[in-house]
């Protein structure tokens, strides 16, 4: 499965980066690049990494998230994870990194989700 990333501007100058799919050795660089792109365009109030639609993440993916966090921090921007899938939440918890990313609660499928059109 591939990875797609959607960037959105939220109220208050927050930039949301929402990956969808698997973040692994083949796709982790895309997460790092997405954070770097946002920072190259300016200094948002905050970057939110919405992990709701991430089905898998490995150690290389976790490393990419930490690299993104550090890049943002050097620029004076807070990067936080929002709505982690249960798998992502567990990986962050097991690695001891949940607190680094704002200790988000896991996203549960019972919560209404926006409709995603095919090919989007």
C-alpha atoms as a PDB file:
ATOM      1  CA  UNK A   1       0.000   0.000   0.000  1.00  0.00           C
ATOM      2  CA  UNK A   2       1.238   3.463  -0.786  1.00  0.00           C
ATOM      3  CA  UNK A   3       1.119   6.643   1.242  1.00  0.00           C
ATOM      4  CA  UNK A   4      -0.728   9.823   0.366  1.00  0.00           C
ATOM      5  CA  UNK A   5      -0.459  13.068   2.299  1.00  0.00           C
ATOM      6  CA  UNK A   6      -2.996  15.884   2.409  1.00  0.00           C
ATOM      7  CA  UNK A   7      -2.054  19.281   3.841  1.00  0.00           C
ATOM      8  CA  UNK A   8      -4.748  21.666   5.093  1.00  0.00           C
ATOM      9  CA  UNK A   9      -4.859  25.059   6.766  1.00  0.00           C
ATOM     10  CA  UNK A  10      -6.909  25.021   9.964  1.00  0.00           C
ATOM     11  CA  UNK A  11      -8.165  28.020  11.950  1.00  0.00           C
ATOM     12  CA  UNK A  12      -5.560  29.907  13.980  1.00  0.00           C
ATOM     13  CA  UNK A  13      -2.686  29.409  11.552  1.00  0.00           C
ATOM     14  CA  UNK A  14      -2.454  25.675  12.198  1.00  0.00           C
ATOM     15  CA  UNK A  15      -1.264  23.458   9.358  1.00  0.00           C
ATOM     16  CA  UNK A  16      -2.563  19.889   9.348  1.00  0.00           C
ATOM     17  CA  UNK A  17      -0.572  17.158   7.634  1.00  0.00           C
ATOM     18  CA  UNK A  18      -2.707  14.037   7.203  1.00  0.00           C
ATOM     19  CA  UNK A  19      -0.918  10.936   5.907  1.00  0.00           C
ATOM     20  CA  UNK A  20      -3.034   8.012   4.717  1.00  0.00           C
ATOM     21  CA  UNK A  21      -1.720   4.466   4.393  1.00  0.00           C
ATOM     22  CA  UNK A  22       1.506   2.918   5.640  1.00  0.00           C
ATOM     23  CA  UNK A  23       4.531   4.826   6.890  1.00  0.00           C
ATOM     24  CA  UNK A  24       7.501   2.504   6.500  1.00  0.00           C
ATOM     25  CA  UNK A  25      11.029   2.319   5.114  1.00  0.00           C
ATOM     26  CA  UNK A  26       9.720   3.097   1.593  1.00  0.00           C
ATOM     27  CA  UNK A  27       7.496   6.063   2.487  1.00  0.00           C
ATOM     28  CA  UNK A  28       8.832   7.622   5.705  1.00  0.00           C
ATOM     29  CA  UNK A  29      10.767  10.285   3.796  1.00  0.00           C
ATOM     30  CA  UNK A  30       7.426  11.671   2.548  1.00  0.00           C
ATOM     31  CA  UNK A  31       6.428  12.592   6.119  1.00  0.00           C
ATOM     32  CA  UNK A  32       9.763  14.353   6.726  1.00  0.00           C
ATOM     33  CA  UNK A  33       9.430  16.194   3.401  1.00  0.00           C
ATOM     34  CA  UNK A  34       5.860  17.287   4.175  1.00  0.00           C
ATOM     35  CA  UNK A  35       6.980  18.893   7.453  1.00  0.00           C
ATOM     36  CA  UNK A  36      10.008  20.510   5.773  1.00  0.00           C
ATOM     37  CA  UNK A  37       7.773  21.900   2.965  1.00  0.00           C
ATOM     38  CA  UNK A  38       5.390  23.500   5.452  1.00  0.00           C
ATOM     39  CA  UNK A  39       8.292  25.098   7.332  1.00  0.00           C
ATOM     40  CA  UNK A  40       9.913  26.295   4.082  1.00  0.00           C
ATOM     41  CA  UNK A  41       6.737  28.273   3.275  1.00  0.00           C
ATOM     42  CA  UNK A  42       6.556  30.058   6.637  1.00  0.00           C
ATOM     43  CA  UNK A  43       6.131  29.647  10.368  1.00  0.00           C
ATOM     44  CA  UNK A  44       2.698  28.242  11.185  1.00  0.00           C
ATOM     45  CA  UNK A  45       1.339  28.611  14.720  1.00  0.00           C
ATOM     46  CA  UNK A  46       1.474  24.819  14.989  1.00  0.00           C
ATOM     47  CA  UNK A  47       1.729  21.694  12.832  1.00  0.00           C
ATOM     48  CA  UNK A  48      -0.703  18.872  13.516  1.00  0.00           C
ATOM     49  CA  UNK A  49       0.134  15.431  12.205  1.00  0.00           C
ATOM     50  CA  UNK A  50      -3.286  13.785  11.897  1.00  0.00           C
ATOM     51  CA  UNK A  51      -2.563  10.053  12.029  1.00  0.00           C
ATOM     52  CA  UNK A  52      -6.168   8.793  11.914  1.00  0.00           C
ATOM     53  CA  UNK A  53      -5.792   7.115   8.504  1.00  0.00           C
ATOM     54  CA  UNK A  54      -2.353   5.575   9.075  1.00  0.00           C
ATOM     55  CA  UNK A  55      -2.765   1.802   9.094  1.00  0.00           C
ATOM     56  CA  UNK A  56       0.866   0.864   9.819  1.00  0.00           C
ATOM     57  CA  UNK A  57       4.060   2.543  10.990  1.00  0.00           C
ATOM     58  CA  UNK A  58       7.463   0.960  11.533  1.00  0.00           C
ATOM     59  CA  UNK A  59      10.608   2.173  13.288  1.00  0.00           C
ATOM     60  CA  UNK A  60      11.713   4.140  10.215  1.00  0.00           C
ATOM     61  CA  UNK A  61       8.320   5.873  10.184  1.00  0.00           C
ATOM     62  CA  UNK A  62       8.612   6.681  13.888  1.00  0.00           C
ATOM     63  CA  UNK A  63      12.103   8.088  13.225  1.00  0.00           C
ATOM     64  CA  UNK A  64      10.673  10.287  10.457  1.00  0.00           C
ATOM     65  CA  UNK A  65       8.073  11.643  12.892  1.00  0.00           C
ATOM     66  CA  UNK A  66      10.791  12.429  15.457  1.00  0.00           C
ATOM     67  CA  UNK A  67      12.890  14.109  12.739  1.00  0.00           C
ATOM     68  CA  UNK A  68       9.846  16.186  11.762  1.00  0.00           C
ATOM     69  CA  UNK A  69       9.296  17.136  15.398  1.00  0.00           C
ATOM     70  CA  UNK A  70      12.944  18.215  15.755  1.00  0.00           C
ATOM     71  CA  UNK A  71      12.905  20.196  12.491  1.00  0.00           C
ATOM     72  CA  UNK A  72       9.777  22.030  13.619  1.00  0.00           C
ATOM     73  CA  UNK A  73      11.197  22.663  17.093  1.00  0.00           C
ATOM     74  CA  UNK A  74      14.387  24.216  15.664  1.00  0.00           C
ATOM     75  CA  UNK A  75      12.112  26.568  13.705  1.00  0.00           C
ATOM     76  CA  UNK A  76      10.164  27.464  16.853  1.00  0.00           C
ATOM     77  CA  UNK A  77       7.054  25.566  15.749  1.00  0.00           C
ATOM     78  CA  UNK A  78       5.232  22.946  17.863  1.00  0.00           C
ATOM     79  CA  UNK A  79       4.451  19.686  16.075  1.00  0.00           C
ATOM     80  CA  UNK A  80       1.783  17.495  17.658  1.00  0.00           C
ATOM     81  CA  UNK A  81       0.087  14.254  16.669  1.00  0.00           C
ATOM     82  CA  UNK A  82      -3.710  14.283  16.520  1.00  0.00           C
ATOM     83  CA  UNK A  83      -6.169  11.401  16.253  1.00  0.00           C
ATOM     84  CA  UNK A  84      -3.617   8.577  16.034  1.00  0.00           C
ATOM     85  CA  UNK A  85      -5.027   5.296  14.794  1.00  0.00           C
ATOM     86  CA  UNK A  86      -4.964   2.596  17.458  1.00  0.00           C
ATOM     87  CA  UNK A  87      -1.908   1.048  15.781  1.00  0.00           C
ATOM     88  CA  UNK A  88       0.005   4.357  15.714  1.00  0.00           C
ATOM     89  CA  UNK A  89      -1.032   5.130  19.310  1.00  0.00           C
ATOM     90  CA  UNK A  90       0.281   1.756  20.450  1.00  0.00           C
ATOM     91  CA  UNK A  91       3.595   2.217  18.606  1.00  0.00           C
ATOM     92  CA  UNK A  92       4.092   5.666  20.148  1.00  0.00           C
ATOM     93  CA  UNK A  93       3.205   4.298  23.586  1.00  0.00           C
ATOM     94  CA  UNK A  94       5.548   1.291  23.278  1.00  0.00           C
ATOM     95  CA  UNK A  95       8.441   3.497  22.144  1.00  0.00           C
ATOM     96  CA  UNK A  96       7.851   5.993  24.953  1.00  0.00           C
ATOM     97  CA  UNK A  97       7.215   8.816  22.473  1.00  0.00           C
ATOM     98  CA  UNK A  98       3.528   9.459  23.154  1.00  0.00           C
ATOM     99  CA  UNK A  99       4.309  12.409  25.449  1.00  0.00           C
ATOM    100  CA  UNK A 100       6.684  13.980  22.916  1.00  0.00           C
ATOM    101  CA  UNK A 101       3.808  14.314  20.461  1.00  0.00           C
ATOM    102  CA  UNK A 102       1.307  15.770  22.941  1.00  0.00           C
ATOM    103  CA  UNK A 103      -0.021  12.496  24.426  1.00  0.00           C
ATOM    104  CA  UNK A 104      -3.003  12.309  22.036  1.00  0.00           C
ATOM    105  CA  UNK A 105      -5.878   9.946  22.721  1.00  0.00           C
ATOM    106  CA  UNK A 106      -6.308   7.198  20.113  1.00  0.00           C
ATOM    107  CA  UNK A 107      -8.848   7.698  17.366  1.00  0.00           C
ATOM    108  CA  UNK A 108     -11.723   5.220  17.527  1.00  0.00           C
ATOM    109  CA  UNK A 109     -13.607   4.141  14.429  1.00  0.00           C
ATOM    110  CA  UNK A 110     -16.939   4.842  16.146  1.00  0.00           C
ATOM    111  CA  UNK A 111     -16.307   8.555  15.649  1.00  0.00           C
ATOM    112  CA  UNK A 112     -17.906   9.932  12.460  1.00  0.00           C
ATOM    113  CA  UNK A 113     -15.391  10.320   9.660  1.00  0.00           C
ATOM    114  CA  UNK A 114     -15.548  12.647   6.683  1.00  0.00           C
ATOM    115  CA  UNK A 115     -16.440  10.973   3.417  1.00  0.00           C
ATOM    116  CA  UNK A 116     -13.397  10.390   1.228  1.00  0.00           C
ATOM    117  CA  UNK A 117     -14.075  10.274  -2.467  1.00  0.00           C
ATOM    118  CA  UNK A 118     -12.396   7.534  -4.545  1.00  0.00           C
ATOM    119  CA  UNK A 119      -9.069   8.672  -5.917  1.00  0.00           C
ATOM    120  CA  UNK A 120      -8.838  11.528  -3.416  1.00  0.00           C
END
